[in-house]
Amino acid sequence: GKVLSRFGRSGRYAGQLHWVRNMAVDSRGNIYTAEVDNGKRVQKFA
């Protein structure tokens, strides 16, 4: 349960997050995030 790392910070630009609601990890380890409220977008983090 040790925290190893984190990414993201509050905002609406690429790489920033606004109410990140859901996420998924693909077979290559890329992380996809989905935001709600006014964010309403999906981002891919390699």
All heavy atoms as atom14 arrays in JSON, in Angstrom:
{
  "sequence": "GKVLSRFGRSGRYAGQLHWVRNMAVDSRGNIYTAEVDNGKRVQKFA",
  "atom14_mask": [
    [1, 1, 1, 1, 0, 0, 0, 0, 0, 0, 0, 0, 0, 0],
    [1, 1, 1, 1, 1, 1, 1, 1, 1, 0, 0, 0, 0, 0],
    [1, 1, 1, 1, 1, 1, 1, 0, 0, 0, 0, 0, 0, 0],
    [1, 1, 1, 1, 1, 1, 1, 1, 0, 0, 0, 0, 0, 0],
    [1, 1, 1, 1, 1, 1, 0, 0, 0, 0, 0, 0, 0, 0],
    [1, 1, 1, 1, 1, 1, 1, 1, 1, 1, 1, 0, 0, 0],
    [1, 1, 1, 1, 1, 1, 1, 1, 1, 1, 1, 0, 0, 0],
    [1, 1, 1, 1, 0, 0, 0, 0, 0, 0, 0, 0, 0, 0],
    [1, 1, 1, 1, 1, 1, 1, 1, 1, 1, 1, 0, 0, 0],
    [1, 1, 1, 1, 1, 1, 0, 0, 0, 0, 0, 0, 0, 0],
    [1, 1, 1, 1, 0, 0, 0, 0, 0, 0, 0, 0, 0, 0],
    [1, 1, 1, 1, 1, 1, 1, 1, 1, 1, 1, 0, 0, 0],
    [1, 1, 1, 1, 1, 1, 1, 1, 1, 1, 1, 1, 0, 0],
    [1, 1, 1, 1, 1, 0, 0, 0, 0, 0, 0, 0, 0, 0],
    [1, 1, 1, 1, 0, 0, 0, 0, 0, 0, 0, 0, 0, 0],
    [1, 1, 1, 1, 1, 1, 1, 1, 1, 0, 0, 0, 0, 0],
    [1, 1, 1, 1, 1, 1, 1, 1, 0, 0, 0, 0, 0, 0],
    [1, 1, 1, 1, 1, 1, 1, 1, 1, 1, 0, 0, 0, 0],
    [1, 1, 1, 1, 1, 1, 1, 1, 1, 1, 1, 1, 1, 1],
    [1, 1, 1, 1, 1, 1, 1, 0, 0, 0, 0, 0, 0, 0],
    [1, 1, 1, 1, 1, 1, 1, 1, 1, 1, 1, 0, 0, 0],
    [1, 1, 1, 1, 1, 1, 1, 1, 0, 0, 0, 0, 0, 0],
    [1, 1, 1, 1, 1, 1, 1, 1, 0, 0, 0, 0, 0, 0],
    [1, 1, 1, 1, 1, 0, 0, 0, 0, 0, 0, 0, 0, 0],
    [1, 1, 1, 1, 1, 1, 1, 0, 0, 0, 0, 0, 0, 0],
    [1, 1, 1, 1, 1, 1, 1, 1, 0, 0, 0, 0, 0, 0],
    [1, 1, 1, 1, 1, 1, 0, 0, 0, 0, 0, 0, 0, 0],
    [1, 1, 1, 1, 1, 1, 1, 1, 1, 1, 1, 0, 0, 0],
    [1, 1, 1, 1, 0, 0, 0, 0, 0, 0, 0, 0, 0, 0],
    [1, 1, 1, 1, 1, 1, 1, 1, 0, 0, 0, 0, 0, 0],
    [1, 1, 1, 1, 1, 1, 1, 1, 0, 0, 0, 0, 0, 0],
    [1, 1, 1, 1, 1, 1, 1, 1, 1, 1, 1, 1, 0, 0],
    [1, 1, 1, 1, 1, 1, 1, 0, 0, 0, 0, 0, 0, 0],
    [1, 1, 1, 1, 1, 0, 0, 0, 0, 0, 0, 0, 0, 0],
    [1, 1, 1, 1, 1, 1, 1, 1, 1, 0, 0, 0, 0, 0],
    [1, 1, 1, 1, 1, 1, 1, 0, 0, 0, 0, 0, 0, 0],
    [1, 1, 1, 1, 1, 1, 1, 1, 0, 0, 0, 0, 0, 0],
    [1, 1, 1, 1, 1, 1, 1, 1, 0, 0, 0, 0, 0, 0],
    [1, 1, 1, 1, 0, 0, 0, 0, 0, 0, 0, 0, 0, 0],
    [1, 1, 1, 1, 1, 1, 1, 1, 1, 0, 0, 0, 0, 0],
    [1, 1, 1, 1, 1, 1, 1, 1, 1, 1, 1, 0, 0, 0],
    [1, 1, 1, 1, 1, 1, 1, 0, 0, 0, 0, 0, 0, 0],
    [1, 1, 1, 1, 1, 1, 1, 1, 1, 0, 0, 0, 0, 0],
    [1, 1, 1, 1, 1, 1, 1, 1, 1, 0, 0, 0, 0, 0],
    [1, 1, 1, 1, 1, 1, 1, 1, 1, 1, 1, 0, 0, 0],
    [1, 1, 1, 1, 1, 0, 0, 0, 0, 0, 0, 0, 0, 0]
  ],
  "atom14_positions": [
    [[0.8, -1.22, 0.0], [0.0, 0.0, 0.0], [0.83, 1.26, 0.0], [0.3, 2.37, 0.02], [0.0, 0.0, 0.0], [0.0, 0.0, 0.0], [0.0, 0.0, 0.0], [0.0, 0.0, 0.0], [0.0, 0.0, 0.0], [0.0, 0.0, 0.0], [0.0, 0.0, 0.0], [0.0, 0.0, 0.0], [0.0, 0.0, 0.0], [0.0, 0.0, 0.0]],
    [[2.15, 1.11, -0.03], [3.05, 2.27, -0.02], [2.86, 3.09, -1.31], [2.82, 2.53, -2.4], [4.5, 1.81, 0.08], [5.48, 2.95, 0.06], [6.91, 2.48, 0.12], [7.83, 3.68, 0.02], [9.22, 3.28, -0.15], [0.0, 0.0, 0.0], [0.0, 0.0, 0.0], [0.0, 0.0, 0.0], [0.0, 0.0, 0.0], [0.0, 0.0, 0.0]],
    [[2.76, 4.41, -1.15], [2.66, 5.3, -2.31], [4.04, 5.37, -2.96], [5.02, 5.74, -2.33], [2.18, 6.7, -1.9], [2.22, 7.64, -3.08], [0.78, 6.64, -1.32], [0.0, 0.0, 0.0], [0.0, 0.0, 0.0], [0.0, 0.0, 0.0], [0.0, 0.0, 0.0], [0.0, 0.0, 0.0], [0.0, 0.0, 0.0], [0.0, 0.0, 0.0]],
    [[4.1, 5.0, -4.24], [5.37, 4.99, -4.97], [5.54, 6.25, -5.81], [6.66, 6.72, -6.0], [5.43, 3.76, -5.88], [5.28, 2.42, -5.16], [5.18, 1.29, -6.17], [6.44, 2.2, -4.2], [0.0, 0.0, 0.0], [0.0, 0.0, 0.0], [0.0, 0.0, 0.0], [0.0, 0.0, 0.0], [0.0, 0.0, 0.0], [0.0, 0.0, 0.0]],
    [[4.45, 6.75, -6.34], [4.52, 7.91, -7.21], [3.11, 8.44, -7.43], [2.13, 7.83, -6.99], [5.16, 7.52, -8.55], [5.39, 8.65, -9.35], [0.0, 0.0, 0.0], [0.0, 0.0, 0.0], [0.0, 0.0, 0.0], [0.0, 0.0, 0.0], [0.0, 0.0, 0.0], [0.0, 0.0, 0.0], [0.0, 0.0, 0.0], [0.0, 0.0, 0.0]],
    [[3.02, 9.57, -8.11], [1.73, 10.1, -8.53], [1.96, 11.03, -9.7], [3.07, 11.5, -9.93], [1.01, 10.83, -7.39], [1.61, 12.17, -7.08], [0.73, 12.98, -6.15], [1.32, 14.27, -5.99], [1.6, 14.85, -4.85], [1.33, 14.23, -3.72], [2.15, 16.04, -4.81], [0.0, 0.0, 0.0], [0.0, 0.0, 0.0], [0.0, 0.0, 0.0]],
    [[0.91, 11.28, -10.45], [0.99, 12.29, -11.5], [-0.34, 13.01, -11.59], [-1.36, 12.54, -11.08], [1.41, 11.7, -12.85], [0.42, 10.75, -13.47], [-0.63, 11.21, -14.25], [0.54, 9.39, -13.27], [-1.53, 10.34, -14.83], [-0.35, 8.5, -13.84], [-1.39, 8.98, -14.63], [0.0, 0.0, 0.0], [0.0, 0.0, 0.0], [0.0, 0.0, 0.0]],
    [[-0.31, 14.15, -12.24], [-1.49, 14.97, -12.39], [-1.55, 16.05, -11.34], [-0.95, 15.95, -10.27], [0.0, 0.0, 0.0], [0.0, 0.0, 0.0], [0.0, 0.0, 0.0], [0.0, 0.0, 0.0], [0.0, 0.0, 0.0], [0.0, 0.0, 0.0], [0.0, 0.0, 0.0], [0.0, 0.0, 0.0], [0.0, 0.0, 0.0], [0.0, 0.0, 0.0]],
    [[-2.25, 17.09, -11.69], [-2.55, 18.18, -10.76], [-3.81, 18.85, -11.26], [-4.23, 18.63, -12.41], [-1.4, 19.17, -10.64], [-1.09, 19.88, -11.92], [0.08, 20.81, -11.78], [0.31, 21.43, -13.08], [0.93, 22.54, -13.25], [1.42, 23.17, -12.23], [1.08, 23.04, -14.45], [0.0, 0.0, 0.0], [0.0, 0.0, 0.0], [0.0, 0.0, 0.0]],
    [[-4.39, 19.66, -10.44], [-5.65, 20.28, -10.79], [-5.49, 21.25, -11.96], [-4.58, 22.07, -11.98], [-6.2, 21.02, -9.58], [-7.5, 21.49, -9.85], [0.0, 0.0, 0.0], [0.0, 0.0, 0.0], [0.0, 0.0, 0.0], [0.0, 0.0, 0.0], [0.0, 0.0, 0.0], [0.0, 0.0, 0.0], [0.0, 0.0, 0.0], [0.0, 0.0, 0.0]],
    [[-6.34, 21.11, -12.95], [-6.32, 22.01, -14.09], [-7.05, 21.44, -15.28], [-7.53, 20.31, -15.25], [0.0, 0.0, 0.0], [0.0, 0.0, 0.0], [0.0, 0.0, 0.0], [0.0, 0.0, 0.0], [0.0, 0.0, 0.0], [0.0, 0.0, 0.0], [0.0, 0.0, 0.0], [0.0, 0.0, 0.0], [0.0, 0.0, 0.0], [0.0, 0.0, 0.0]],
    [[-7.11, 22.22, -16.33], [-7.86, 21.82, -17.52], [-7.0, 21.71, -18.77], [-7.5, 21.54, -19.86], [-9.01, 22.8, -17.75], [-9.99, 22.76, -16.6], [-11.02, 23.86, -16.74], [-11.76, 24.01, -15.52], [-12.94, 23.46, -15.29], [-13.51, 22.72, -16.19], [-13.56, 23.65, -14.16], [0.0, 0.0, 0.0], [0.0, 0.0, 0.0], [0.0, 0.0, 0.0]],
    [[-5.68, 21.82, -18.61], [-4.78, 21.68, -19.74], [-4.33, 20.23, -19.87], [-4.53, 19.42, -18.97], [-3.58, 22.61, -19.59], [-3.95, 24.08, -19.65], [-4.02, 24.84, -18.5], [-4.26, 24.68, -20.87], [-4.37, 26.18, -18.55], [-4.61, 26.02, -20.93], [-4.68, 26.76, -19.77], [-5.03, 28.07, -19.82], [0.0, 0.0, 0.0], [0.0, 0.0, 0.0]],
    [[-3.69, 19.91, -20.99], [-3.18, 18.56, -21.21], [-2.27, 18.15, -20.05], [-1.41, 18.93, -19.62], [-2.42, 18.49, -22.52], [0.0, 0.0, 0.0], [0.0, 0.0, 0.0], [0.0, 0.0, 0.0], [0.0, 0.0, 0.0], [0.0, 0.0, 0.0], [0.0, 0.0, 0.0], [0.0, 0.0, 0.0], [0.0, 0.0, 0.0], [0.0, 0.0, 0.0]],
    [[-2.49, 16.96, -19.54], [-1.7, 16.45, -18.43], [-2.23, 16.83, -17.06], [-1.8, 16.27, -16.06], [0.0, 0.0, 0.0], [0.0, 0.0, 0.0], [0.0, 0.0, 0.0], [0.0, 0.0, 0.0], [0.0, 0.0, 0.0], [0.0, 0.0, 0.0], [0.0, 0.0, 0.0], [0.0, 0.0, 0.0], [0.0, 0.0, 0.0], [0.0, 0.0, 0.0]],
    [[-3.14, 17.78, -17.01], [-3.77, 18.15, -15.76], [-5.12, 17.43, -15.66], [-5.65, 16.96, -16.67], [-3.97, 19.67, -15.68], [-2.67, 20.43, -15.71], [-2.88, 21.94, -15.74], [-3.92, 22.44, -16.16], [-1.88, 22.66, -15.29], [0.0, 0.0, 0.0], [0.0, 0.0, 0.0], [0.0, 0.0, 0.0], [0.0, 0.0, 0.0], [0.0, 0.0, 0.0]],
    [[-5.66, 17.37, -14.46], [-6.89, 16.61, -14.24], [-7.94, 17.47, -13.56], [-7.62, 18.3, -12.71], [-6.61, 15.37, -13.39], [-5.58, 14.4, -13.97], [-5.12, 13.41, -12.92], [-6.15, 13.7, -15.18], [0.0, 0.0, 0.0], [0.0, 0.0, 0.0], [0.0, 0.0, 0.0], [0.0, 0.0, 0.0], [0.0, 0.0, 0.0], [0.0, 0.0, 0.0]],
    [[-9.18, 17.26, -13.95], [-10.31, 17.94, -13.31], [-11.38, 16.91, -13.01], [-12.09, 16.46, -13.89], [-10.87, 19.04, -14.22], [-12.01, 19.77, -13.62], [-11.84, 20.67, -12.58], [-13.33, 19.72, -13.87], [-13.04, 21.16, -12.25], [-13.95, 20.59, -13.01], [0.0, 0.0, 0.0], [0.0, 0.0, 0.0], [0.0, 0.0, 0.0], [0.0, 0.0, 0.0]],
    [[-11.45, 16.49, -11.76], [-12.38, 15.47, -11.3], [-12.22, 14.18, -12.11], [-13.14, 13.74, -12.78], [-13.81, 15.96, -11.35], [-14.18, 16.98, -10.3], [-13.31, 17.69, -9.51], [-15.47, 17.39, -9.94], [-14.0, 18.52, -8.7], [-15.34, 18.36, -8.93], [-16.73, 17.04, -10.37], [-16.42, 18.97, -8.35], [-17.81, 17.66, -9.79], [-17.65, 18.6, -8.78]],
    [[-11.03, 13.61, -12.02], [-10.78, 12.34, -12.72], [-11.65, 11.26, -12.08], [-11.52, 10.93, -10.92], [-9.27, 11.98, -12.72], [-8.69, 11.9, -11.33], [-9.03, 10.7, -13.47], [0.0, 0.0, 0.0], [0.0, 0.0, 0.0], [0.0, 0.0, 0.0], [0.0, 0.0, 0.0], [0.0, 0.0, 0.0], [0.0, 0.0, 0.0], [0.0, 0.0, 0.0]],
    [[-12.58, 10.76, -12.86], [-13.62, 9.86, -12.35], [-13.32, 8.39, -12.6], [-13.58, 7.54, -11.76], [-14.96, 10.24, -13.0], [-16.1, 9.33, -12.72], [-16.5, 9.4, -11.29], [-17.62, 8.49, -11.07], [-18.23, 8.37, -9.93], [-17.86, 9.08, -8.9], [-19.22, 7.54, -9.8], [0.0, 0.0, 0.0], [0.0, 0.0, 0.0], [0.0, 0.0, 0.0]],
    [[-12.84, 8.08, -13.79], [-12.56, 6.68, -14.15], [-11.19, 6.57, -14.77], [-10.63, 7.54, -15.26], [-13.61, 6.17, -15.16], [-14.99, 6.19, -14.59], [-15.77, 7.08, -14.9], [-15.31, 5.23, -13.75], [0.0, 0.0, 0.0], [0.0, 0.0, 0.0], [0.0, 0.0, 0.0], [0.0, 0.0, 0.0], [0.0, 0.0, 0.0], [0.0, 0.0, 0.0]],
    [[-10.68, 5.35, -14.78], [-9.4, 5.1, -15.42], [-9.32, 3.65, -15.88], [-10.07, 2.8, -15.41], [-8.25, 5.42, -14.48], [-8.2, 4.54, -13.25], [-6.84, 4.93, -12.17], [-5.48, 4.74, -13.26], [0.0, 0.0, 0.0], [0.0, 0.0, 0.0], [0.0, 0.0, 0.0], [0.0, 0.0, 0.0], [0.0, 0.0, 0.0], [0.0, 0.0, 0.0]],
    [[-8.4, 3.42, -16.8], [-8.14, 2.06, -17.3], [-6.68, 1.98, -17.7], [-6.07, 2.99, -18.05], [-9.03, 1.76, -18.5], [0.0, 0.0, 0.0], [0.0, 0.0, 0.0], [0.0, 0.0, 0.0], [0.0, 0.0, 0.0], [0.0, 0.0, 0.0], [0.0, 0.0, 0.0], [0.0, 0.0, 0.0], [0.0, 0.0, 0.0], [0.0, 0.0, 0.0]],
    [[-6.13, 0.79, -17.64], [-4.74, 0.54, -18.05], [-4.77, -0.47, -19.17], [-5.4, -1.52, -19.05], [-3.9, 0.02, -16.86], [-2.46, -0.22, -17.29], [-3.96, 0.98, -15.68], [0.0, 0.0, 0.0], [0.0, 0.0, 0.0], [0.0, 0.0, 0.0], [0.0, 0.0, 0.0], [0.0, 0.0, 0.0], [0.0, 0.0, 0.0], [0.0, 0.0, 0.0]],
    [[-4.1, -0.15, -20.29], [-4.09, -1.1, -21.41], [-2.95, -2.1, -21.28], [-2.17, -2.06, -20.32], [-4.08, -0.36, -22.75], [-2.79, 0.36, -23.08], [-1.73, 0.1, -22.44], [-2.8, 1.21, -24.0], [0.0, 0.0, 0.0], [0.0, 0.0, 0.0], [0.0, 0.0, 0.0], [0.0, 0.0, 0.0], [0.0, 0.0, 0.0], [0.0, 0.0, 0.0]],
    [[-2.83, -3.01, -22.23], [-1.84, -4.09, -22.17], [-0.4, -3.58, -22.23], [0.52, -4.3, -21.86], [-2.09, -5.08, -23.3], [-1.92, -4.44, -24.56], [0.0, 0.0, 0.0], [0.0, 0.0, 0.0], [0.0, 0.0, 0.0], [0.0, 0.0, 0.0], [0.0, 0.0, 0.0], [0.0, 0.0, 0.0], [0.0, 0.0, 0.0], [0.0, 0.0, 0.0]],
    [[-0.19, -2.37, -22.66], [1.16, -1.79, -22.72], [1.47, -0.92, -21.5], [2.53, -0.33, -21.42], [1.32, -0.97, -23.99], [1.28, -1.83, -25.22], [1.56, -1.04, -26.45], [1.66, -1.95, -27.58], [1.5, -1.57, -28.82], [1.24, -0.31, -29.11], [1.6, -2.45, -29.79], [0.0, 0.0, 0.0], [0.0, 0.0, 0.0], [0.0, 0.0, 0.0]],
    [[0.54, -0.82, -20.58], [0.76, -0.04, -19.37], [0.37, 1.43, -19.49], [0.57, 2.19, -18.55], [0.0, 0.0, 0.0], [0.0, 0.0, 0.0], [0.0, 0.0, 0.0], [0.0, 0.0, 0.0], [0.0, 0.0, 0.0], [0.0, 0.0, 0.0], [0.0, 0.0, 0.0], [0.0, 0.0, 0.0], [0.0, 0.0, 0.0], [0.0, 0.0, 0.0]],
    [[-0.19, 1.83, -20.63], [-0.67, 3.2, -20.76], [-1.91, 3.39, -19.92], [-2.75, 2.48, -19.82], [-0.98, 3.53, -22.23], [0.24, 3.41, -23.1], [1.29, 3.98, -22.82], [0.12, 2.62, -24.16], [0.0, 0.0, 0.0], [0.0, 0.0, 0.0], [0.0, 0.0, 0.0], [0.0, 0.0, 0.0], [0.0, 0.0, 0.0], [0.0, 0.0, 0.0]],
    [[-2.05, 4.56, -19.32], [-3.18, 4.84, -18.44], [-4.11, 5.83, -19.13], [-3.66, 6.85, -19.66], [-2.68, 5.41, -17.1], [-1.81, 4.37, -16.39], [-3.85, 5.85, -16.23], [-1.13, 4.88, -15.14], [0.0, 0.0, 0.0], [0.0, 0.0, 0.0], [0.0, 0.0, 0.0], [0.0, 0.0, 0.0], [0.0, 0.0, 0.0], [0.0, 0.0, 0.0]],
    [[-5.39, 5.51, -19.13], [-6.41, 6.38, -19.7], [-7.27, 6.9, -18.56], [-7.71, 6.12, -17.71], [-7.29, 5.6, -20.69], [-6.5, 5.09, -21.87], [-5.8, 3.88, -21.78], [-6.45, 5.81, -23.06], [-5.07, 3.4, -22.86], [-5.72, 5.33, -24.14], [-5.04, 4.13, -24.03], [-4.3, 3.68, -25.1], [0.0, 0.0, 0.0], [0.0, 0.0, 0.0]],
    [[-7.5, 8.2, -18.54], [-8.33, 8.8, -17.51], [-9.55, 9.46, -18.15], [-9.47, 9.98, -19.25], [-7.56, 9.87, -16.7], [-7.13, 10.92, -17.57], [-6.37, 9.25, -15.98], [0.0, 0.0, 0.0], [0.0, 0.0, 0.0], [0.0, 0.0, 0.0], [0.0, 0.0, 0.0], [0.0, 0.0, 0.0], [0.0, 0.0, 0.0], [0.0, 0.0, 0.0]],
    [[-10.66, 9.43, -17.43], [-11.9, 10.09, -17.88], [-12.33, 11.07, -16.8], [-12.33, 10.73, -15.61], [-12.99, 9.06, -18.12], [0.0, 0.0, 0.0], [0.0, 0.0, 0.0], [0.0, 0.0, 0.0], [0.0, 0.0, 0.0], [0.0, 0.0, 0.0], [0.0, 0.0, 0.0], [0.0, 0.0, 0.0], [0.0, 0.0, 0.0], [0.0, 0.0, 0.0]],
    [[-12.68, 12.28, -17.21], [-13.04, 13.34, -16.28], [-14.52, 13.7, -16.41], [-15.11, 13.54, -17.46], [-12.18, 14.57, -16.54], [-10.7, 14.28, -16.39], [-9.82, 15.39, -16.9], [-10.12, 16.57, -16.64], [-8.82, 15.08, -17.57], [0.0, 0.0, 0.0], [0.0, 0.0, 0.0], [0.0, 0.0, 0.0], [0.0, 0.0, 0.0], [0.0, 0.0, 0.0]],
    [[-15.08, 14.18, -15.31], [-16.48, 14.61, -15.29], [-16.55, 16.11, -15.03], [-15.53, 16.78, -15.01], [-17.28, 13.82, -14.22], [-17.33, 12.35, -14.57], [-16.7, 14.01, -12.83], [0.0, 0.0, 0.0], [0.0, 0.0, 0.0], [0.0, 0.0, 0.0], [0.0, 0.0, 0.0], [0.0, 0.0, 0.0], [0.0, 0.0, 0.0], [0.0, 0.0, 0.0]],
    [[-17.73, 16.61, -14.79], [-18.0, 18.02, -14.6], [-17.67, 18.75, -15.9], [-18.09, 18.32, -16.96], [-17.22, 18.59, -13.42], [-17.66, 19.99, -13.04], [-18.87, 20.27, -13.05], [-16.78, 20.83, -12.73], [0.0, 0.0, 0.0], [0.0, 0.0, 0.0], [0.0, 0.0, 0.0], [0.0, 0.0, 0.0], [0.0, 0.0, 0.0], [0.0, 0.0, 0.0]],
    [[-16.94, 19.82, -15.84], [-16.62, 20.58, -17.06], [-15.42, 20.02, -17.81], [-15.12, 20.48, -18.9], [-16.41, 22.05, -16.74], [-17.69, 22.71, -16.28], [-18.77, 22.38, -16.75], [-17.57, 23.61, -15.32], [0.0, 0.0, 0.0], [0.0, 0.0, 0.0], [0.0, 0.0, 0.0], [0.0, 0.0, 0.0], [0.0, 0.0, 0.0], [0.0, 0.0, 0.0]],
    [[-14.69, 19.07, -17.19], [-13.55, 18.46, -17.88], [-14.01, 17.68, -19.09], [-13.57, 17.89, -20.21], [0.0, 0.0, 0.0], [0.0, 0.0, 0.0], [0.0, 0.0, 0.0], [0.0, 0.0, 0.0], [0.0, 0.0, 0.0], [0.0, 0.0, 0.0], [0.0, 0.0, 0.0], [0.0, 0.0, 0.0], [0.0, 0.0, 0.0], [0.0, 0.0, 0.0]],
    [[-14.92, 16.74, -18.88], [-15.54, 15.93, -19.93], [-14.57, 15.52, -21.03], [-14.77, 15.83, -22.19], [-16.73, 16.68, -20.54], [-17.83, 16.95, -19.55], [-18.97, 17.69, -20.19], [-20.0, 18.02, -19.14], [-20.96, 19.0, -19.57], [0.0, 0.0, 0.0], [0.0, 0.0, 0.0], [0.0, 0.0, 0.0], [0.0, 0.0, 0.0], [0.0, 0.0, 0.0]],
    [[-13.53, 14.84, -20.65], [-12.55, 14.4, -21.64], [-11.88, 13.11, -21.18], [-11.98, 12.72, -20.04], [-11.49, 15.48, -21.88], [-10.67, 15.75, -20.64], [-9.63, 16.81, -20.88], [-8.97, 17.12, -19.62], [-8.0, 17.97, -19.48], [-7.57, 18.64, -20.55], [-7.45, 18.21, -18.32], [0.0, 0.0, 0.0], [0.0, 0.0, 0.0], [0.0, 0.0, 0.0]],
    [[-11.18, 12.5, -22.12], [-10.35, 11.33, -21.85], [-8.93, 11.71, -22.21], [-8.69, 12.37, -23.23], [-10.81, 10.12, -22.69], [-9.86, 8.96, -22.54], [-12.23, 9.71, -22.31], [0.0, 0.0, 0.0], [0.0, 0.0, 0.0], [0.0, 0.0, 0.0], [0.0, 0.0, 0.0], [0.0, 0.0, 0.0], [0.0, 0.0, 0.0], [0.0, 0.0, 0.0]],
    [[-7.98, 11.32, -21.36], [-6.57, 11.57, -21.66], [-5.81, 10.25, -21.6], [-6.16, 9.35, -20.83], [-5.94, 12.53, -20.64], [-6.52, 13.93, -20.67], [-5.72, 14.86, -19.8], [-4.62, 15.26, -20.15], [-6.29, 15.21, -18.65], [0.0, 0.0, 0.0], [0.0, 0.0, 0.0], [0.0, 0.0, 0.0], [0.0, 0.0, 0.0], [0.0, 0.0, 0.0]],
    [[-4.77, 10.17, -22.39], [-3.88, 9.0, -22.39], [-2.54, 9.43, -21.84], [-1.95, 10.41, -22.28], [-3.69, 8.46, -23.81], [-2.69, 7.32, -23.9], [-2.45, 6.91, -25.34], [-1.39, 5.85, -25.44], [-1.11, 5.5, -26.85], [0.0, 0.0, 0.0], [0.0, 0.0, 0.0], [0.0, 0.0, 0.0], [0.0, 0.0, 0.0], [0.0, 0.0, 0.0]],
    [[-2.06, 8.67, -20.85], [-0.75, 8.9, -20.26], [0.13, 7.7, -20.61], [-0.18, 6.57, -20.22], [-0.86, 9.07, -18.75], [-1.64, 10.31, -18.36], [-3.0, 10.25, -18.18], [-0.98, 11.52, -18.19], [-3.72, 11.39, -17.83], [-1.7, 12.67, -17.84], [-3.07, 12.6, -17.67], [0.0, 0.0, 0.0], [0.0, 0.0, 0.0], [0.0, 0.0, 0.0]],
    [[1.19, 7.95, -21.36], [2.07, 6.87, -21.81], [2.91, 6.35, -20.64], [3.38, 7.13, -19.81], [2.99, 7.38, -22.91], [0.0, 0.0, 0.0], [0.0, 0.0, 0.0], [0.0, 0.0, 0.0], [0.0, 0.0, 0.0], [0.0, 0.0, 0.0], [0.0, 0.0, 0.0], [0.0, 0.0, 0.0], [0.0, 0.0, 0.0], [0.0, 0.0, 0.0]]
  ]
}
